[in-house]
Amino acid sequence: MSDPFEFRTAVAGRDDSNDAIVTAARQLSRSTVWTMAGKVPFGFTAHHPQGITRGHDDRLYLSTAEIIEATQRYDRPVDGYDRTPGRGVGHVFVTDAEGAALGHVTVGEGTVYHPGGIDFDGESLWVPTAEYRPDSRSIVYRVDPGTLAVTEAFRFEDHIGGIVRAARPACCTPSHGGRGVCSPSPPTGSSSTGPTTRVTSSTTRRV
């Protein structure tokens, strides 16, 4: 499919073009009122959901964090951190409009266990997974939507709270708590670990 967003319009039956998404997103704020369109129970333990995106065949992919040990704030910063890393497991579940359990895979390593908002570019799921504290680090994974094979795409020296995969080899990501928006660049033509673009505080857009 030449346009990775074409299938979304066909499946959903509505305008999901890039322009429509950008226009709607720019109108969002912390005071935006959300209206529940429906409620569907999951056929699995969903833990702490973080992101959801639609893939091929109307399947839905859910990123979620299983918290085993909560973080604890320090009295004063330790090694630049304001809290302990805690412990947990990152998950990506496959479901459908009825909430069925269709598949599952884990993501992360060590203290990097907290997935964020995810995206599907027509070929791969993009799943940022970070330490559960600000000013930390992240690993961004590509997940095959069919086999659920997990491949590390790149690493980033900050907490990535979500990701939007652009048509070109770049991403747009909010940091922990929406403190800023960064644009790390995954390696061109490769899904292996490689260099990234680190946006400094002077060029990061604060929100």
C-alpha atoms as a PDB file:
ATOM      1  CA  MET A   1       0.000   0.000   0.000  1.00  0.00           C
ATOM      2  CA  SER A   2       1.676   3.251  -1.149  1.00  0.00           C
ATOM      3  CA  ASP A   3       0.014   5.449   1.476  1.00  0.00           C
ATOM      4  CA  PRO A   4       0.457   3.981   4.987  1.00  0.00           C
ATOM      5  CA  PHE A   5      -2.634   5.882   6.143  1.00  0.00           C
ATOM      6  CA  GLU A   6      -4.871   4.736   3.282  1.00  0.00           C
ATOM      7  CA  PHE A   7      -6.042   1.581   5.051  1.00  0.00           C
ATOM      8  CA  ARG A   8      -7.124   3.597   8.108  1.00  0.00           C
ATOM      9  CA  THR A   9      -9.507   5.664   6.033  1.00  0.00           C
ATOM     10  CA  ALA A  10     -10.871   2.551   4.325  1.00  0.00           C
ATOM     11  CA  VAL A  11     -11.392   0.656   7.572  1.00  0.00           C
ATOM     12  CA  ALA A  12     -12.739   3.498   9.671  1.00  0.00           C
ATOM     13  CA  GLY A  13     -14.790   5.106   6.921  1.00  0.00           C
ATOM     14  CA  ARG A  14     -13.737   8.630   7.871  1.00  0.00           C
ATOM     15  CA  ASP A  15     -11.126  11.240   7.012  1.00  0.00           C
ATOM     16  CA  ASP A  16      -7.893  10.171   8.728  1.00  0.00           C
ATOM     17  CA  SER A  17      -5.566  12.137   6.467  1.00  0.00           C
ATOM     18  CA  ASN A  18      -2.476  13.727   7.932  1.00  0.00           C
ATOM     19  CA  ASP A  19      -3.991  17.216   7.642  1.00  0.00           C
ATOM     20  CA  ALA A  20      -7.076  16.217   9.616  1.00  0.00           C
ATOM     21  CA  ILE A  21      -4.981  14.612  12.350  1.00  0.00           C
ATOM     22  CA  VAL A  22      -2.686  17.643  12.637  1.00  0.00           C
ATOM     23  CA  THR A  23      -5.632  20.063  12.779  1.00  0.00           C
ATOM     24  CA  ALA A  24      -7.359  18.061  15.509  1.00  0.00           C
ATOM     25  CA  ALA A  25      -4.177  17.578  17.544  1.00  0.00           C
ATOM     26  CA  ARG A  26      -3.403  21.295  17.535  1.00  0.00           C
ATOM     27  CA  GLN A  27      -6.739  21.973  19.198  1.00  0.00           C
ATOM     28  CA  LEU A  28      -5.981  19.710  22.168  1.00  0.00           C
ATOM     29  CA  SER A  29      -5.020  21.134  25.548  1.00  0.00           C
ATOM     30  CA  ARG A  30      -4.961  20.062  29.173  1.00  0.00           C
ATOM     31  CA  SER A  31      -8.501  21.407  29.510  1.00  0.00           C
ATOM     32  CA  THR A  32      -9.883  19.456  26.516  1.00  0.00           C
ATOM     33  CA  VAL A  33     -13.115  17.673  27.433  1.00  0.00           C
ATOM     34  CA  TRP A  34     -13.242  14.061  26.245  1.00  0.00           C
ATOM     35  CA  THR A  35     -16.487  12.221  25.563  1.00  0.00           C
ATOM     36  CA  MET A  36     -16.653   8.453  25.997  1.00  0.00           C
ATOM     37  CA  ALA A  37     -17.800   6.850  22.756  1.00  0.00           C
ATOM     38  CA  GLY A  38     -18.162   3.360  24.225  1.00  0.00           C
ATOM     39  CA  LYS A  39     -16.732   0.844  26.662  1.00  0.00           C
ATOM     40  CA  VAL A  40     -15.404  -2.628  25.858  1.00  0.00           C
ATOM     41  CA  PRO A  41     -13.931  -4.961  28.538  1.00  0.00           C
ATOM     42  CA  PHE A  42     -10.612  -6.617  27.699  1.00  0.00           C
ATOM     43  CA  GLY A  43     -10.327 -10.393  27.802  1.00  0.00           C
ATOM     44  CA  PHE A  44      -6.920 -10.078  29.511  1.00  0.00           C
ATOM     45  CA  THR A  45      -5.267  -8.183  32.364  1.00  0.00           C
ATOM     46  CA  ALA A  46      -4.468  -4.793  30.853  1.00  0.00           C
ATOM     47  CA  HIS A  47      -2.346  -3.431  33.750  1.00  0.00           C
ATOM     48  CA  HIS A  48      -1.660   0.313  33.145  1.00  0.00           C
ATOM     49  CA  PRO A  49      -2.507   1.114  29.480  1.00  0.00           C
ATOM     50  CA  GLN A  50      -0.387   3.755  27.781  1.00  0.00           C
ATOM     51  CA  GLY A  51      -1.135   3.748  24.063  1.00  0.00           C
ATOM     52  CA  ILE A  52      -3.344   2.157  21.431  1.00  0.00           C
ATOM     53  CA  THR A  53      -3.216   2.107  17.648  1.00  0.00           C
ATOM     54  CA  ARG A  54      -5.021   0.363  14.823  1.00  0.00           C
ATOM     55  CA  GLY A  55      -3.238  -2.039  12.502  1.00  0.00           C
ATOM     56  CA  HIS A  56      -4.274  -4.094   9.483  1.00  0.00           C
ATOM     57  CA  ASP A  57      -7.463  -6.204   9.566  1.00  0.00           C
ATOM     58  CA  ASP A  58      -9.032  -3.875  12.159  1.00  0.00           C
ATOM     59  CA  ARG A  59      -6.761  -5.228  14.906  1.00  0.00           C
ATOM     60  CA  LEU A  60      -5.847  -2.985  17.829  1.00  0.00           C
ATOM     61  CA  TYR A  61      -2.453  -2.880  19.564  1.00  0.00           C
ATOM     62  CA  LEU A  62      -2.232  -1.797  23.196  1.00  0.00           C
ATOM     63  CA  SER A  63       0.944  -0.820  25.059  1.00  0.00           C
ATOM     64  CA  THR A  64       0.764  -1.145  28.815  1.00  0.00           C
ATOM     65  CA  ALA A  65       2.997  -1.109  31.889  1.00  0.00           C
ATOM     66  CA  GLU A  66       2.834  -3.740  34.604  1.00  0.00           C
ATOM     67  CA  ILE A  67       4.119  -2.051  37.763  1.00  0.00           C
ATOM     68  CA  ILE A  68       5.727  -4.555  40.162  1.00  0.00           C
ATOM     69  CA  GLU A  69       7.426  -2.039  42.453  1.00  0.00           C
ATOM     70  CA  ALA A  70       6.395   1.627  42.487  1.00  0.00           C
ATOM     71  CA  THR A  71       8.997   4.384  42.174  1.00  0.00           C
ATOM     72  CA  GLN A  72       9.877   6.298  45.341  1.00  0.00           C
ATOM     73  CA  ARG A  73      10.930   9.941  45.396  1.00  0.00           C
ATOM     74  CA  TYR A  74      14.314  10.815  46.856  1.00  0.00           C
ATOM     75  CA  ASP A  75      14.715  13.548  49.470  1.00  0.00           C
ATOM     76  CA  ARG A  76      17.300  15.033  47.120  1.00  0.00           C
ATOM     77  CA  PRO A  77      18.402  14.049  43.588  1.00  0.00           C
ATOM     78  CA  VAL A  78      20.610  10.960  43.315  1.00  0.00           C
ATOM     79  CA  ASP A  79      22.815  10.711  40.213  1.00  0.00           C
ATOM     80  CA  GLY A  80      20.542  13.253  38.534  1.00  0.00           C
ATOM     81  CA  TYR A  81      17.316  11.344  39.230  1.00  0.00           C
ATOM     82  CA  ASP A  82      14.444  12.529  41.451  1.00  0.00           C
ATOM     83  CA  ARG A  83      13.169   9.005  42.210  1.00  0.00           C
ATOM     84  CA  THR A  84      14.056   5.320  42.246  1.00  0.00           C
ATOM     85  CA  PRO A  85      13.581   3.361  39.007  1.00  0.00           C
ATOM     86  CA  GLY A  86      10.992   0.944  40.418  1.00  0.00           C
ATOM     87  CA  ARG A  87      10.411  -2.406  38.748  1.00  0.00           C
ATOM     88  CA  GLY A  88       8.000  -3.541  36.082  1.00  0.00           C
ATOM     89  CA  VAL A  89       7.326  -5.253  32.766  1.00  0.00           C
ATOM     90  CA  GLY A  90       6.350  -3.633  29.473  1.00  0.00           C
ATOM     91  CA  HIS A  91       3.666  -5.321  27.380  1.00  0.00           C
ATOM     92  CA  VAL A  92       2.121  -5.010  23.923  1.00  0.00           C
ATOM     93  CA  PHE A  93      -1.228  -6.764  23.533  1.00  0.00           C
ATOM     94  CA  VAL A  94      -3.187  -7.488  20.366  1.00  0.00           C
ATOM     95  CA  THR A  95      -6.950  -7.191  20.597  1.00  0.00           C
ATOM     96  CA  ASP A  96     -10.005  -6.286  18.524  1.00  0.00           C
ATOM     97  CA  ALA A  97     -13.174  -4.216  18.852  1.00  0.00           C
ATOM     98  CA  GLU A  98     -14.615  -6.863  21.196  1.00  0.00           C
ATOM     99  CA  GLY A  99     -11.580  -6.874  23.516  1.00  0.00           C
ATOM    100  CA  ALA A 100     -10.456 -10.412  22.666  1.00  0.00           C
ATOM    101  CA  ALA A 101      -6.925 -11.587  23.562  1.00  0.00           C
ATOM    102  CA  LEU A 102      -5.251 -12.168  20.170  1.00  0.00           C
ATOM    103  CA  GLY A 103      -1.560 -11.922  21.021  1.00  0.00           C
ATOM    104  CA  HIS A 104       1.039 -10.583  23.426  1.00  0.00           C
ATOM    105  CA  VAL A 105       4.738  -9.710  23.625  1.00  0.00           C
ATOM    106  CA  THR A 106       6.954  -8.038  26.234  1.00  0.00           C
ATOM    107  CA  VAL A 107       9.332  -5.111  25.632  1.00  0.00           C
ATOM    108  CA  GLY A 108      12.108  -3.439  27.616  1.00  0.00           C
ATOM    109  CA  GLU A 109      15.176  -4.430  29.605  1.00  0.00           C
ATOM    110  CA  GLY A 110      16.269  -3.850  33.201  1.00  0.00           C
ATOM    111  CA  THR A 111      14.953  -0.525  34.499  1.00  0.00           C
ATOM    112  CA  VAL A 112      13.584   0.327  31.034  1.00  0.00           C
ATOM    113  CA  TYR A 113      10.106  -1.184  31.333  1.00  0.00           C
ATOM    114  CA  HIS A 114       7.502   1.548  30.805  1.00  0.00           C
ATOM    115  CA  PRO A 115       6.007   1.697  27.266  1.00  0.00           C
ATOM    116  CA  GLY A 116       4.504   4.930  26.018  1.00  0.00           C
ATOM    117  CA  GLY A 117       2.115   5.940  23.271  1.00  0.00           C
ATOM    118  CA  ILE A 118       2.642   3.844  20.137  1.00  0.00           C
ATOM    119  CA  ASP A 119       2.191   4.251  16.393  1.00  0.00           C
ATOM    120  CA  PHE A 120       1.762   2.059  13.296  1.00  0.00           C
ATOM    121  CA  ASP A 121       3.309   3.277  10.033  1.00  0.00           C
ATOM    122  CA  GLY A 122       1.719   0.684   7.771  1.00  0.00           C
ATOM    123  CA  GLU A 123       4.560  -1.795   8.231  1.00  0.00           C
ATOM    124  CA  SER A 124       5.719  -1.796  11.850  1.00  0.00           C
ATOM    125  CA  LEU A 125       4.507  -0.855  15.298  1.00  0.00           C
ATOM    126  CA  TRP A 126       6.752   1.711  16.981  1.00  0.00           C
ATOM    127  CA  VAL A 127       6.913   1.200  20.744  1.00  0.00           C
ATOM    128  CA  PRO A 128       8.948   3.590  22.927  1.00  0.00           C
ATOM    129  CA  THR A 129       9.883   2.035  26.281  1.00  0.00           C
ATOM    130  CA  ALA A 130      11.505   4.092  29.015  1.00  0.00           C
ATOM    131  CA  GLU A 131      12.532   4.243  32.623  1.00  0.00           C
ATOM    132  CA  TYR A 132       9.566   5.316  34.750  1.00  0.00           C
ATOM    133  CA  ARG A 133      11.114   8.667  35.719  1.00  0.00           C
ATOM    134  CA  PRO A 134      11.982  11.952  33.980  1.00  0.00           C
ATOM    135  CA  ASP A 135      15.357  12.782  32.437  1.00  0.00           C
ATOM    136  CA  SER A 136      16.191   9.095  32.052  1.00  0.00           C
ATOM    137  CA  ARG A 137      16.536   6.927  28.934  1.00  0.00           C
ATOM    138  CA  SER A 138      14.468   5.023  26.393  1.00  0.00           C
ATOM    139  CA  ILE A 139      14.641   2.201  23.882  1.00  0.00           C
ATOM    140  CA  VAL A 140      12.403   2.447  20.825  1.00  0.00           C
ATOM    141  CA  TYR A 141      11.328  -0.888  19.370  1.00  0.00           C
ATOM    142  CA  ARG A 142       9.823  -1.929  16.058  1.00  0.00           C
ATOM    143  CA  VAL A 143       7.295  -4.728  16.415  1.00  0.00           C
ATOM    144  CA  ASP A 144       6.057  -6.803  13.484  1.00  0.00           C
ATOM    145  CA  PRO A 145       2.222  -6.618  13.668  1.00  0.00           C
ATOM    146  CA  GLY A 146       1.834 -10.148  12.340  1.00  0.00           C
ATOM    147  CA  THR A 147       4.520 -12.163  14.114  1.00  0.00           C
ATOM    148  CA  LEU A 148       5.047  -9.751  17.058  1.00  0.00           C
ATOM    149  CA  ALA A 149       8.804 -10.080  16.552  1.00  0.00           C
ATOM    150  CA  VAL A 150      10.529  -7.287  18.499  1.00  0.00           C
ATOM    151  CA  THR A 151      13.528  -5.425  17.047  1.00  0.00           C
ATOM    152  CA  GLU A 152      15.399  -2.588  18.707  1.00  0.00           C
ATOM    153  CA  ALA A 153      15.307   0.486  16.460  1.00  0.00           C
ATOM    154  CA  PHE A 154      17.340   2.989  18.468  1.00  0.00           C
ATOM    155  CA  ARG A 155      18.080   4.339  21.956  1.00  0.00           C
ATOM    156  CA  PHE A 156      17.485   7.839  23.249  1.00  0.00           C
ATOM    157  CA  GLU A 157      18.898   9.657  26.281  1.00  0.00           C
ATOM    158  CA  ASP A 158      15.593  10.899  27.706  1.00  0.00           C
ATOM    159  CA  HIS A 159      12.217   9.496  28.697  1.00  0.00           C
ATOM    160  CA  ILE A 160      10.050   9.123  25.569  1.00  0.00           C
ATOM    161  CA  GLY A 161       6.386   9.215  26.558  1.00  0.00           C
ATOM    162  CA  GLY A 162       4.931   8.560  23.103  1.00  0.00           C
ATOM    163  CA  ILE A 163       5.873   8.452  19.444  1.00  0.00           C
ATOM    164  CA  VAL A 164       4.538   9.467  16.039  1.00  0.00           C
ATOM    165  CA  ARG A 165       6.351   7.848  13.124  1.00  0.00           C
ATOM    166  CA  ALA A 166       6.545  10.278  10.210  1.00  0.00           C
ATOM    167  CA  ALA A 167       6.695   9.279   6.532  1.00  0.00           C
ATOM    168  CA  ARG A 168      10.360  10.284   6.420  1.00  0.00           C
ATOM    169  CA  PRO A 169      12.983   8.648   8.692  1.00  0.00           C
ATOM    170  CA  ALA A 170      12.110  10.692  11.755  1.00  0.00           C
ATOM    171  CA  CYS A 171       9.855  10.602  14.791  1.00  0.00           C
ATOM    172  CA  CYS A 172       8.142  13.131  17.015  1.00  0.00           C
ATOM    173  CA  THR A 173       8.108  12.301  20.711  1.00  0.00           C
ATOM    174  CA  PRO A 174       6.944  13.970  23.956  1.00  0.00           C
ATOM    175  CA  SER A 175       9.199  13.616  26.991  1.00  0.00           C
ATOM    176  CA  HIS A 176       8.177  12.576  30.524  1.00  0.00           C
ATOM    177  CA  GLY A 177       5.008  14.418  31.579  1.00  0.00           C
ATOM    178  CA  GLY A 178       4.894  16.305  28.274  1.00  0.00           C
ATOM    179  CA  ARG A 179       7.767  18.552  29.399  1.00  0.00           C
ATOM    180  CA  GLY A 180       8.979  18.905  25.839  1.00  0.00           C
ATOM    181  CA  VAL A 181       8.774  17.542  22.297  1.00  0.00           C
ATOM    182  CA  CYS A 182      11.848  15.931  20.732  1.00  0.00           C
ATOM    183  CA  SER A 183      12.641  14.610  17.258  1.00  0.00           C
ATOM    184  CA  PRO A 184      14.994  11.622  17.438  1.00  0.00           C
ATOM    185  CA  SER A 185      15.962  10.124  14.079  1.00  0.00           C
ATOM    186  CA  PRO A 186      16.180   6.328  13.746  1.00  0.00           C
ATOM    187  CA  PRO A 187      18.963   4.886  11.582  1.00  0.00           C
ATOM    188  CA  THR A 188      18.115   5.191   7.882  1.00  0.00           C
ATOM    189  CA  GLY A 189      17.586   1.855   6.157  1.00  0.00           C
ATOM    190  CA  SER A 190      18.220  -0.171   9.295  1.00  0.00           C
ATOM    191  CA  SER A 191      16.270  -1.369  12.304  1.00  0.00           C
ATOM    192  CA  SER A 192      19.395  -1.943  14.407  1.00  0.00           C
ATOM    193  CA  THR A 193      20.781   0.311  17.119  1.00  0.00           C
ATOM    194  CA  GLY A 194      22.333   3.440  15.674  1.00  0.00           C
ATOM    195  CA  PRO A 195      22.852   7.195  16.118  1.00  0.00           C
ATOM    196  CA  THR A 196      20.027   9.497  17.127  1.00  0.00           C
ATOM    197  CA  THR A 197      19.358  13.194  17.008  1.00  0.00           C
ATOM    198  CA  ARG A 198      19.356  14.547  20.549  1.00  0.00           C
ATOM    199  CA  VAL A 199      17.343  17.746  20.865  1.00  0.00           C
ATOM    200  CA  THR A 200      18.799  20.040  23.519  1.00  0.00           C
ATOM    201  CA  SER A 201      16.736  22.026  25.998  1.00  0.00           C
ATOM    202  CA  SER A 202      17.317  25.173  23.971  1.00  0.00           C
ATOM    203  CA  THR A 203      15.690  23.649  20.893  1.00  0.00           C
ATOM    204  CA  THR A 204      13.113  21.423  22.542  1.00  0.00           C
ATOM    205  CA  ARG A 205       9.622  22.894  22.456  1.00  0.00           C
ATOM    206  CA  ARG A 206       8.304  23.130  26.009  1.00  0.00           C
ATOM    207  CA  VAL A 207       4.577  22.628  26.526  1.00  0.00           C
END
